[in-house]
Every structure is written in C-alpha cells, then in structure tokens.
Amino acid sequence: MIAVFLLGTGQTTLLISLPAILEETGIGYGVLSVMVALGTGLFILSAPIWGRISDNYGRIPVIISGTVGIALSFLMLALSIQGVVSGVLNQQQAIFLMFSARIIYGLLASGLYPAVQAWVIDDSARVNRARMLSRITAGINVGRLSGPLVPALLIGWGSAFPLGAVSLLAMVFLIMLVILPVVSVRHDKVSGGRNGYVRLLMAETWPLLLLACSVTTLFGFLQYLAGPRLHLIVHDGVTTTRLLSILMMLAALSTIIAHLVAARWVQRNLVMALKCGSVLLLIGTMFMVTGKNLFWLASGMTISAASVALLTPAYTALASAQASRQQGALTGMLTMIHTIGYTLGALLAGTINSNGWQQELVGVLVASVSLMITFLWVDHEHGKSLCLRFK
C-alpha cells in the first residue's frame, strides 16, 4: 500500500508541476509533454516483463527496483530544473537529463504497480478479489490526493523542490524495504505456466483489455487537458499549478469515497459496475469538455474519477478469474494496457489542444464511442461467461 501511495504521489506531483516547470525553464509545453509521454510509454514495453519477473522471482524484488527507479528519476528531474534556474545547465542539457530521467522511470518503476496488484491477488479469495483490488485503487489515489499537497506547499521555492521531495520519500521507503523484515505472500515465487499461456490469456480477456485501454485513454485525456484549460482561465503558471493541485485532490478524494461506498457492491455486481462506471465516465467527460469555468472542470473531473474507481477493480477482477497461475503476467499486461491508454490520451490532448474546443469535443466523442462499443461487447459477448466462471 505504501508502494502504490508513493507511485500516485509522484504521478500527480509531476503533472501538477508542469506549468511551473514551463515558466521557470522556458522549455516548451510540447517538449515537456513528449518527455512525460516517453516515460509512460516505456511502461508498454517493460510492465509485462516485470510482471513475468515477479511471477518467477517474487514480488518484493520488483517493488524494490521500482522504488529505486522513482527515487533516481525524480532526483534527476529536480537537478535538471535547478540547473537551468541557476545557470549551471542550458536548456539542451536539461532536456537531455529530463529525458534520461523519464527513461529510467519508465524502465524501472513500471514493475511497481503490477507487482503490488499480483501480491494482493495472490492473497485474496475470488469472492473478495474485487474489493481488495479496489483498496489498491484507493491506495494509489490516496497518494494522488496527498501528491498535490507537495507542490502546493513547496512550489513557491521552485518547481524542483516538489520533485526532490518525491525522490526523498522514495528513498525513505527504499530504506524501509531493505531494513524492515517484510514478509511476502504465500506465492512469493510462482512457477511459470506453459509457453502459450500468456497468448491464451490475451485471447480470452481481450475485450476487457480493450475496455481498460478505452477507459484510461479517455481519463488520461481529461487529466492532461485540465492544465491547459486552467491556464486559459487564469493566465499564470503558478496559479494554474495551485488550482490544478486542488482539482487533482478532488478527483483523488472522489475515488477514495467511491471505494468506501461502493466496494462491496462492485464485488457482487461486476458487470453492472461496468455499466454504471461507463455512463458516469461519459457524463463527467461532457461536463469537463463543455464547461467554461472552474466549477464544471471540477465537477467533470470528480465524476470521471469516481467512475474509474468502479470500472478498474471490476474488469481487473473479471480478468484475474482467467489467470489462476500467472497473476503477475496478467497485472503486467493490464499495466501495459493502462499505459497505452494514458499515453494515447496525452497525445490526443497535446494534438488537439491548440485547435479550439470544437476539436477537443470531437476527440472526446471519438474516445467515448470507442468506450461504449467496447463496453457493449464485454457486456453481451464476454461479461456473462466471465461472471459464470468467476462465481
């Protein structure tokens, strides 16, 4: 739980600090967006590999390597920003260091979330699996709720300080992992399945994986769109960062409340949770895209975040029912799919942001249509058979 808390804190701290980084360093928003997309895009390649490694060598070694990746990458980001501000580094050198930091993050930290998810699945009975996975979702969102506090408190000293604080937190957690006697779950090492098992797993669960990609694409689009939309309202980098901090905190709080209220209901009604979450996600999207002020942005982000809290544990629990022997491979695959979605969402937001709200609306509608098609396929063609197997 501490591991996913740290991951959520780092994600929101970097996202919220981007406007201030742009203002302090003079590096363009397009370059910063590519930098963020590079790190998250590397999850696509490395997350499934880390999932298989956690199956064969245990969950804790993968969590340790992921923590090292977070600590080192955020330290390099902080040093690159401070180097530009102090005049020690020029923009080109800082950009090189930033991209190197994101490469390290993408290659190492990508194993953290799938290892934690697999750990929870290993230690959970099927009847409680969705509820336990919902706790993981709540844990990472507690980090996302706490994450905005870091730049809100430290951004006045410079955007390097919030990133340095995340690196410090990761180092403290790493020391805890090394020193404290952490006991792994009963499946600390899981024997690998037959060679074609992963391909068979993808063949059986691809509608759920496509649903996961659609959900994260749409939600990632909304998250990356929030910063530029706020900047158009307030026209100030630091103020935008502070408002974005509040917005992300509301979204994370909405996810936590959704977990507390609906976790048991989701466990008993997995397919219905997919239906309700899909509808709420579409409503939140329309609020955020068509709204003209902070109230509509906040309402849309809050509703969308609550919908993700319903959708994620539901489709993860349904998919895990198909993977009795290689939960690490499954969670690595889901992490890869989630990253593909967030990367597509970031690229979509960066591509259409400069073309006016009409293009933004068209982009969201396209993602929404894709989401609904996937949802209907899971419900009618795959959901019922999965529920029978799950029970």
Protein backbone atom coordinates (compact mmCIF):
# COMPACT_ATOMS: atom_id res chain seq x y z
CA MET A 1 0.00 0.00 0.00
CA ILE A 2 2.90 2.35 0.70
CA ALA A 3 4.33 1.47 -2.72
CA VAL A 4 1.20 2.45 -4.65
CA PHE A 5 0.81 5.52 -2.42
CA LEU A 6 4.30 6.61 -3.48
CA LEU A 7 3.51 5.94 -7.14
CA GLY A 8 0.36 8.06 -7.00
CA THR A 9 2.17 10.89 -5.22
CA GLY A 10 4.87 11.01 -7.89
CA GLN A 11 2.39 10.99 -10.76
CA THR A 12 0.35 13.94 -9.54
CA THR A 13 3.34 15.93 -8.34
CA LEU A 14 4.94 15.85 -11.78
CA LEU A 15 1.70 16.53 -13.62
CA ILE A 16 0.80 19.50 -11.43
CA SER A 17 4.33 20.94 -11.56
CA LEU A 18 4.45 21.07 -15.38
CA PRO A 19 3.09 24.64 -15.75
CA ALA A 20 5.63 25.96 -13.24
CA ILE A 21 8.44 23.97 -14.89
CA LEU A 22 7.50 25.54 -18.23
CA GLU A 23 7.54 29.03 -16.74
CA GLU A 24 10.85 28.62 -14.88
CA THR A 25 12.88 26.79 -17.54
CA GLY A 26 11.35 28.19 -20.73
CA ILE A 27 11.10 24.67 -22.13
CA GLY A 28 8.03 24.38 -24.35
CA TYR A 29 4.90 22.52 -23.28
CA GLY A 30 5.23 20.27 -26.31
CA VAL A 31 8.71 19.13 -25.25
CA LEU A 32 7.55 18.53 -21.68
CA SER A 33 4.54 16.55 -22.94
CA VAL A 34 6.82 14.35 -25.05
CA MET A 35 9.08 13.86 -22.03
CA VAL A 36 6.17 12.69 -19.89
CA ALA A 37 4.81 10.53 -22.69
CA LEU A 38 8.23 8.90 -23.16
CA GLY A 39 8.38 7.72 -19.56
CA THR A 40 4.84 6.44 -19.52
CA GLY A 41 5.23 4.92 -22.97
CA LEU A 42 8.13 2.77 -21.81
CA PHE A 43 5.68 1.09 -19.44
CA ILE A 44 4.21 -0.51 -22.54
CA LEU A 45 7.42 -2.47 -23.11
CA SER A 46 8.60 -3.12 -19.58
CA ALA A 47 5.47 -3.67 -17.46
CA PRO A 48 4.64 -7.14 -18.87
CA ILE A 49 8.29 -8.17 -18.46
CA TRP A 50 8.29 -7.09 -14.81
CA GLY A 51 5.03 -8.98 -14.32
CA ARG A 52 6.64 -12.21 -15.51
CA ILE A 53 9.73 -11.49 -13.38
CA SER A 54 7.55 -11.10 -10.30
CA ASP A 55 5.94 -14.47 -11.08
CA ASN A 56 9.34 -16.17 -11.22
CA TYR A 57 11.36 -14.31 -8.59
CA GLY A 58 8.81 -12.86 -6.18
CA ARG A 59 7.01 -9.55 -5.74
CA ILE A 60 9.38 -7.77 -3.32
CA PRO A 61 12.48 -7.61 -5.60
CA VAL A 62 10.35 -6.00 -8.30
CA ILE A 63 8.92 -3.48 -5.82
CA ILE A 64 12.45 -2.58 -4.68
CA SER A 65 13.64 -1.98 -8.26
CA GLY A 66 10.56 0.15 -8.95
CA THR A 67 11.24 2.26 -5.86
CA VAL A 68 14.83 2.82 -7.00
CA GLY A 69 13.50 3.99 -10.36
CA ILE A 70 11.19 6.54 -8.75
CA ALA A 71 13.88 7.90 -6.41
CA LEU A 72 16.54 8.24 -9.13
CA SER A 73 14.29 9.66 -11.85
CA PHE A 74 12.71 12.37 -9.68
CA LEU A 75 16.13 13.34 -8.32
CA MET A 76 17.42 13.78 -11.88
CA LEU A 77 14.38 15.86 -12.82
CA ALA A 78 14.88 18.14 -9.81
CA LEU A 79 18.58 18.58 -10.58
CA SER A 80 17.90 19.40 -14.23
CA ILE A 81 15.36 22.10 -13.35
CA GLN A 82 17.54 23.60 -10.66
CA GLY A 83 20.47 23.53 -13.07
CA VAL A 84 18.60 25.67 -15.61
CA VAL A 85 17.36 28.10 -12.96
CA SER A 86 20.86 28.55 -11.50
CA GLY A 87 22.51 28.81 -14.92
CA VAL A 88 24.66 25.69 -14.48
CA LEU A 89 22.85 23.89 -17.33
CA ASN A 90 21.47 25.21 -20.59
CA GLN A 91 18.10 24.10 -21.95
CA GLN A 92 19.53 21.39 -24.19
CA GLN A 93 21.48 19.81 -21.34
CA ALA A 94 18.47 19.98 -19.05
CA ILE A 95 16.21 18.40 -21.67
CA PHE A 96 18.72 15.55 -22.11
CA LEU A 97 18.80 14.97 -18.34
CA MET A 98 15.00 15.12 -18.11
CA PHE A 99 14.54 12.59 -20.89
CA SER A 100 17.14 10.31 -19.27
CA ALA A 101 15.23 10.53 -16.00
CA ARG A 102 11.97 9.56 -17.68
CA ILE A 103 13.65 6.62 -19.40
CA ILE A 104 14.84 5.34 -16.02
CA TYR A 105 11.35 5.86 -14.61
CA GLY A 106 9.69 4.02 -17.46
CA LEU A 107 12.05 1.04 -17.37
CA LEU A 108 12.19 0.52 -13.58
CA ALA A 109 9.09 1.99 -11.95
CA SER A 110 6.80 0.15 -14.36
CA GLY A 111 7.09 -3.01 -12.29
CA LEU A 112 5.79 -1.44 -9.09
CA TYR A 113 2.04 -1.46 -9.70
CA PRO A 114 1.74 -4.91 -11.36
CA ALA A 115 3.81 -6.48 -8.56
CA VAL A 116 1.58 -4.94 -5.89
CA GLN A 117 -1.59 -5.98 -7.72
CA ALA A 118 -0.32 -9.53 -8.16
CA TRP A 119 0.62 -9.60 -4.47
CA VAL A 120 -2.95 -8.68 -3.49
CA ILE A 121 -4.50 -11.17 -5.92
CA ASP A 122 -2.25 -13.93 -4.55
CA ASP A 123 -3.51 -13.32 -1.03
CA SER A 124 -7.20 -12.82 -1.87
CA ALA A 125 -10.01 -15.31 -2.32
CA ARG A 126 -12.02 -14.88 -5.51
CA VAL A 127 -15.10 -13.74 -3.62
CA ASN A 128 -13.13 -10.82 -2.14
CA ARG A 129 -10.83 -10.06 -5.05
CA ALA A 130 -12.62 -7.02 -6.48
CA ARG A 131 -12.90 -5.45 -3.02
CA MET A 132 -9.18 -5.97 -2.34
CA LEU A 133 -8.24 -4.61 -5.77
CA SER A 134 -10.44 -1.63 -5.03
CA ARG A 135 -8.30 -0.98 -1.96
CA ILE A 136 -5.23 -0.84 -4.19
CA THR A 137 -7.02 1.68 -6.41
CA ALA A 138 -7.92 3.65 -3.29
CA GLY A 139 -4.31 3.44 -2.07
CA ILE A 140 -2.83 4.92 -5.22
CA ASN A 141 -5.48 7.64 -5.13
CA VAL A 142 -4.62 8.47 -1.52
CA GLY A 143 -1.19 9.16 -2.97
CA ARG A 144 -2.76 11.23 -5.73
CA LEU A 145 -4.74 13.09 -3.06
CA SER A 146 -1.61 13.75 -1.00
CA GLY A 147 0.53 14.44 -4.06
CA PRO A 148 -0.96 17.86 -4.82
CA LEU A 149 -0.09 18.96 -1.29
CA VAL A 150 3.60 18.62 -2.15
CA PRO A 151 3.67 21.23 -4.95
CA ALA A 152 1.08 23.35 -3.15
CA LEU A 153 3.44 23.69 -0.18
CA LEU A 154 6.79 23.77 -2.00
CA ILE A 155 6.12 25.33 -5.42
CA GLY A 156 6.85 28.81 -4.04
CA TRP A 157 10.51 27.80 -3.66
CA GLY A 158 10.69 26.49 -7.21
CA SER A 159 9.38 23.53 -9.18
CA ALA A 160 12.50 21.47 -8.37
CA PHE A 161 11.57 21.23 -4.70
CA PRO A 162 8.33 19.19 -5.08
CA LEU A 163 10.13 16.71 -7.36
CA GLY A 164 13.02 16.46 -4.91
CA ALA A 165 10.57 15.76 -2.10
CA VAL A 166 9.14 12.80 -4.04
CA SER A 167 12.66 11.45 -4.51
CA LEU A 168 13.27 11.78 -0.78
CA LEU A 169 10.06 9.90 0.04
CA ALA A 170 11.09 7.10 -2.31
CA MET A 171 14.49 6.85 -0.63
CA VAL A 172 12.86 6.58 2.79
CA PHE A 173 10.57 3.81 1.56
CA LEU A 174 13.53 2.02 -0.02
CA ILE A 175 15.35 2.05 3.32
CA MET A 176 12.24 0.64 4.97
CA LEU A 177 12.10 -2.21 2.44
CA VAL A 178 15.76 -3.08 2.97
CA ILE A 179 15.86 -2.78 6.77
CA LEU A 180 12.43 -3.92 7.95
CA PRO A 181 11.61 -7.66 7.92
CA VAL A 182 8.99 -7.61 5.18
CA VAL A 183 7.29 -10.99 4.74
CA SER A 184 5.98 -11.78 1.27
CA VAL A 185 2.74 -13.56 0.45
CA ARG A 186 2.30 -17.30 0.15
CA HIS A 187 3.05 -17.10 -3.59
CA ASP A 188 6.35 -15.26 -3.21
CA LYS A 189 7.60 -17.24 -6.20
CA VAL A 190 5.20 -18.63 -8.73
CA SER A 191 6.19 -21.28 -11.19
CA GLY A 192 5.78 -20.20 -14.79
CA GLY A 193 3.00 -21.65 -16.87
CA ARG A 194 3.24 -23.19 -20.26
CA ASN A 195 4.75 -21.12 -23.05
CA GLY A 196 1.47 -20.27 -24.71
CA TYR A 197 -0.35 -19.31 -21.54
CA VAL A 198 0.03 -15.54 -21.96
CA ARG A 199 -1.24 -15.71 -25.54
CA LEU A 200 -4.19 -17.80 -24.39
CA LEU A 201 -4.87 -15.32 -21.60
CA MET A 202 -4.92 -12.41 -24.08
CA ALA A 203 -7.25 -14.33 -26.37
CA GLU A 204 -9.72 -14.92 -23.54
CA THR A 205 -9.62 -11.46 -21.97
CA TRP A 206 -9.06 -9.09 -24.91
CA PRO A 207 -12.50 -7.39 -24.61
CA LEU A 208 -11.70 -6.48 -21.01
CA LEU A 209 -8.23 -5.30 -22.01
CA LEU A 210 -9.75 -3.14 -24.75
CA LEU A 211 -12.20 -1.72 -22.22
CA ALA A 212 -9.28 -0.88 -19.90
CA CYS A 213 -7.50 0.90 -22.75
CA SER A 214 -10.61 2.91 -23.63
CA VAL A 215 -11.19 3.98 -20.03
CA THR A 216 -7.62 5.10 -19.46
CA THR A 217 -7.43 6.86 -22.84
CA LEU A 218 -10.43 8.97 -22.01
CA PHE A 219 -9.42 9.68 -18.40
CA GLY A 220 -5.82 10.39 -19.41
CA PHE A 221 -7.10 12.85 -22.00
CA LEU A 222 -9.09 14.67 -19.32
CA GLN A 223 -6.16 14.83 -16.91
CA TYR A 224 -3.74 16.27 -19.46
CA LEU A 225 -6.38 18.66 -20.78
CA ALA A 226 -7.06 20.12 -17.32
CA GLY A 227 -3.78 22.05 -17.08
CA PRO A 228 -4.04 23.92 -20.41
CA ARG A 229 -7.73 24.65 -19.80
CA LEU A 230 -6.98 26.14 -16.39
CA HIS A 231 -4.12 28.18 -17.82
CA LEU A 232 -6.50 29.73 -20.35
CA ILE A 233 -8.67 30.85 -17.43
CA VAL A 234 -6.03 32.28 -15.04
CA HIS A 235 -3.09 33.05 -17.42
CA ASP A 236 -0.46 32.33 -14.76
CA GLY A 237 1.76 29.26 -14.33
CA VAL A 238 1.96 29.18 -10.53
CA THR A 239 -1.75 29.89 -10.08
CA THR A 240 -2.57 27.19 -12.62
CA THR A 241 -0.39 24.77 -10.66
CA ARG A 242 -2.18 25.56 -7.41
CA LEU A 243 -5.65 25.22 -8.98
CA LEU A 244 -4.64 22.01 -10.70
CA SER A 245 -3.47 20.71 -7.33
CA ILE A 246 -6.93 21.33 -5.89
CA LEU A 247 -8.58 19.73 -8.92
CA MET A 248 -6.45 16.59 -8.66
CA MET A 249 -7.11 16.39 -4.93
CA LEU A 250 -10.86 16.49 -5.56
CA ALA A 251 -10.54 13.74 -8.15
CA ALA A 252 -8.50 11.54 -5.81
CA LEU A 253 -10.91 12.17 -2.94
CA SER A 254 -13.80 11.20 -5.20
CA THR A 255 -12.06 7.90 -5.99
CA ILE A 256 -11.48 7.15 -2.31
CA ILE A 257 -15.11 7.92 -1.43
CA ALA A 258 -16.32 5.73 -4.29
CA HIS A 259 -14.21 2.88 -2.90
CA LEU A 260 -15.57 3.31 0.62
CA VAL A 261 -19.18 3.48 -0.55
CA ALA A 262 -19.32 1.02 -3.43
CA ALA A 263 -16.54 -1.57 -2.96
CA ARG A 264 -18.83 -4.33 -1.66
CA TRP A 265 -21.49 -3.54 -4.26
CA VAL A 266 -18.90 -3.75 -7.06
CA GLN A 267 -17.79 -7.17 -5.76
CA ARG A 268 -21.36 -8.51 -6.02
CA ASN A 269 -22.27 -6.75 -9.30
CA LEU A 270 -19.20 -6.73 -11.55
CA VAL A 271 -20.92 -6.29 -14.91
CA MET A 272 -23.36 -3.72 -13.50
CA ALA A 273 -20.36 -1.81 -12.15
CA LEU A 274 -19.02 -1.69 -15.71
CA LYS A 275 -22.33 -0.25 -16.92
CA CYS A 276 -22.61 2.41 -14.21
CA GLY A 277 -18.95 3.37 -14.43
CA SER A 278 -19.14 3.75 -18.21
CA VAL A 279 -22.16 6.05 -18.03
CA LEU A 280 -20.60 8.17 -15.28
CA LEU A 281 -17.38 8.48 -17.27
CA LEU A 282 -19.25 9.81 -20.28
CA ILE A 283 -21.20 12.29 -18.13
CA GLY A 284 -18.02 13.54 -16.44
CA THR A 285 -16.31 13.90 -19.81
CA MET A 286 -19.08 16.06 -21.25
CA PHE A 287 -19.12 18.25 -18.12
CA MET A 288 -15.40 18.88 -18.33
CA VAL A 289 -15.14 19.46 -22.07
CA THR A 290 -18.16 21.74 -22.46
CA GLY A 291 -17.73 23.64 -19.18
CA LYS A 292 -16.44 27.20 -19.32
CA ASN A 293 -15.32 27.71 -15.72
CA LEU A 294 -13.64 26.02 -12.78
CA PHE A 295 -16.89 24.59 -11.40
CA TRP A 296 -17.57 22.49 -14.50
CA LEU A 297 -13.96 21.37 -14.73
CA ALA A 298 -14.04 20.25 -11.10
CA SER A 299 -17.42 18.51 -11.49
CA GLY A 300 -16.33 16.66 -14.61
CA MET A 301 -13.04 15.50 -13.14
CA THR A 302 -14.70 14.38 -9.89
CA ILE A 303 -17.38 12.33 -11.66
CA SER A 304 -14.87 10.81 -14.06
CA ALA A 305 -12.55 9.80 -11.22
CA ALA A 306 -15.42 8.11 -9.35
CA SER A 307 -16.31 6.18 -12.50
CA VAL A 308 -12.76 4.86 -12.83
CA ALA A 309 -12.97 3.65 -9.22
CA LEU A 310 -15.94 1.48 -10.26
CA LEU A 311 -14.52 0.28 -13.57
CA THR A 312 -10.94 -0.65 -12.69
CA PRO A 313 -11.50 -3.25 -9.92
CA ALA A 314 -14.46 -4.72 -11.83
CA TYR A 315 -12.65 -5.53 -15.07
CA THR A 316 -9.47 -6.49 -13.20
CA ALA A 317 -11.37 -8.99 -11.06
CA LEU A 318 -13.10 -10.47 -14.10
CA ALA A 319 -9.79 -10.81 -15.92
CA SER A 320 -8.00 -12.30 -12.89
CA ALA A 321 -10.55 -15.11 -12.84
CA GLN A 322 -8.95 -16.29 -16.08
CA ALA A 323 -5.37 -16.26 -14.73
CA SER A 324 -5.14 -18.83 -11.98
CA ARG A 325 -1.36 -19.36 -12.26
CA GLN A 326 0.21 -16.18 -13.64
CA GLN A 327 -1.27 -13.19 -11.88
CA GLY A 328 1.94 -11.23 -12.38
CA ALA A 329 1.70 -11.70 -16.14
CA LEU A 330 -1.92 -10.54 -16.06
CA THR A 331 -1.29 -7.44 -13.92
CA GLY A 332 1.74 -6.57 -16.04
CA MET A 333 -0.43 -6.84 -19.12
CA LEU A 334 -3.09 -4.61 -17.56
CA THR A 335 -0.46 -2.06 -16.57
CA MET A 336 0.78 -2.08 -20.15
CA ILE A 337 -2.77 -1.55 -21.43
CA HIS A 338 -3.38 1.25 -18.92
CA THR A 339 -0.17 2.96 -20.01
CA ILE A 340 -1.10 2.68 -23.66
CA GLY A 341 -4.38 4.39 -22.81
CA TYR A 342 -2.81 7.22 -20.79
CA THR A 343 -0.19 7.76 -23.50
CA LEU A 344 -2.86 7.95 -26.19
CA GLY A 345 -4.84 10.34 -24.00
CA ALA A 346 -1.80 12.59 -23.51
CA LEU A 347 -1.03 12.60 -27.23
CA LEU A 348 -4.66 13.33 -28.03
CA ALA A 349 -4.72 16.27 -25.61
CA GLY A 350 -1.43 17.64 -26.93
CA THR A 351 -2.54 17.30 -30.55
CA ILE A 352 -5.93 18.97 -30.40
CA ASN A 353 -5.39 21.48 -27.59
CA SER A 354 -4.30 24.24 -29.95
CA ASN A 355 -7.20 23.77 -32.36
CA GLY A 356 -10.05 25.06 -30.19
CA TRP A 357 -12.79 23.49 -28.12
CA GLN A 358 -14.53 22.04 -31.19
CA GLN A 359 -11.59 19.74 -31.87
CA GLU A 360 -11.43 18.80 -28.19
CA LEU A 361 -15.09 17.83 -28.23
CA VAL A 362 -14.64 15.75 -31.37
CA GLY A 363 -11.68 13.93 -29.82
CA VAL A 364 -13.56 13.10 -26.64
CA LEU A 365 -16.62 11.92 -28.58
CA VAL A 366 -14.43 9.57 -30.61
CA ALA A 367 -12.94 8.13 -27.41
CA SER A 368 -16.44 7.88 -25.90
CA VAL A 369 -17.77 5.95 -28.90
CA SER A 370 -14.84 3.56 -28.63
CA LEU A 371 -15.53 3.14 -24.92
CA MET A 372 -19.20 2.36 -25.46
CA ILE A 373 -18.53 -0.16 -28.24
CA THR A 374 -16.04 -1.97 -26.04
CA PHE A 375 -18.39 -1.87 -23.06
CA LEU A 376 -21.29 -3.35 -25.03
CA TRP A 377 -19.08 -6.15 -26.35
CA VAL A 378 -17.90 -7.06 -22.86
CA ASP A 379 -21.44 -7.00 -21.52
CA HIS A 380 -23.14 -9.11 -24.19
CA GLU A 381 -20.38 -11.32 -25.56
CA HIS A 382 -17.92 -11.75 -22.72
CA GLY A 383 -19.26 -10.45 -19.41
CA LYS A 384 -21.84 -13.14 -18.76
CA SER A 385 -19.48 -16.04 -19.39
CA LEU A 386 -16.83 -14.41 -17.23
CA CYS A 387 -19.28 -13.92 -14.39
CA LEU A 388 -20.23 -17.60 -14.53
CA ARG A 389 -16.57 -18.59 -14.31
CA PHE A 390 -15.92 -16.04 -11.56
CA LYS A 391 -18.71 -17.44 -9.44
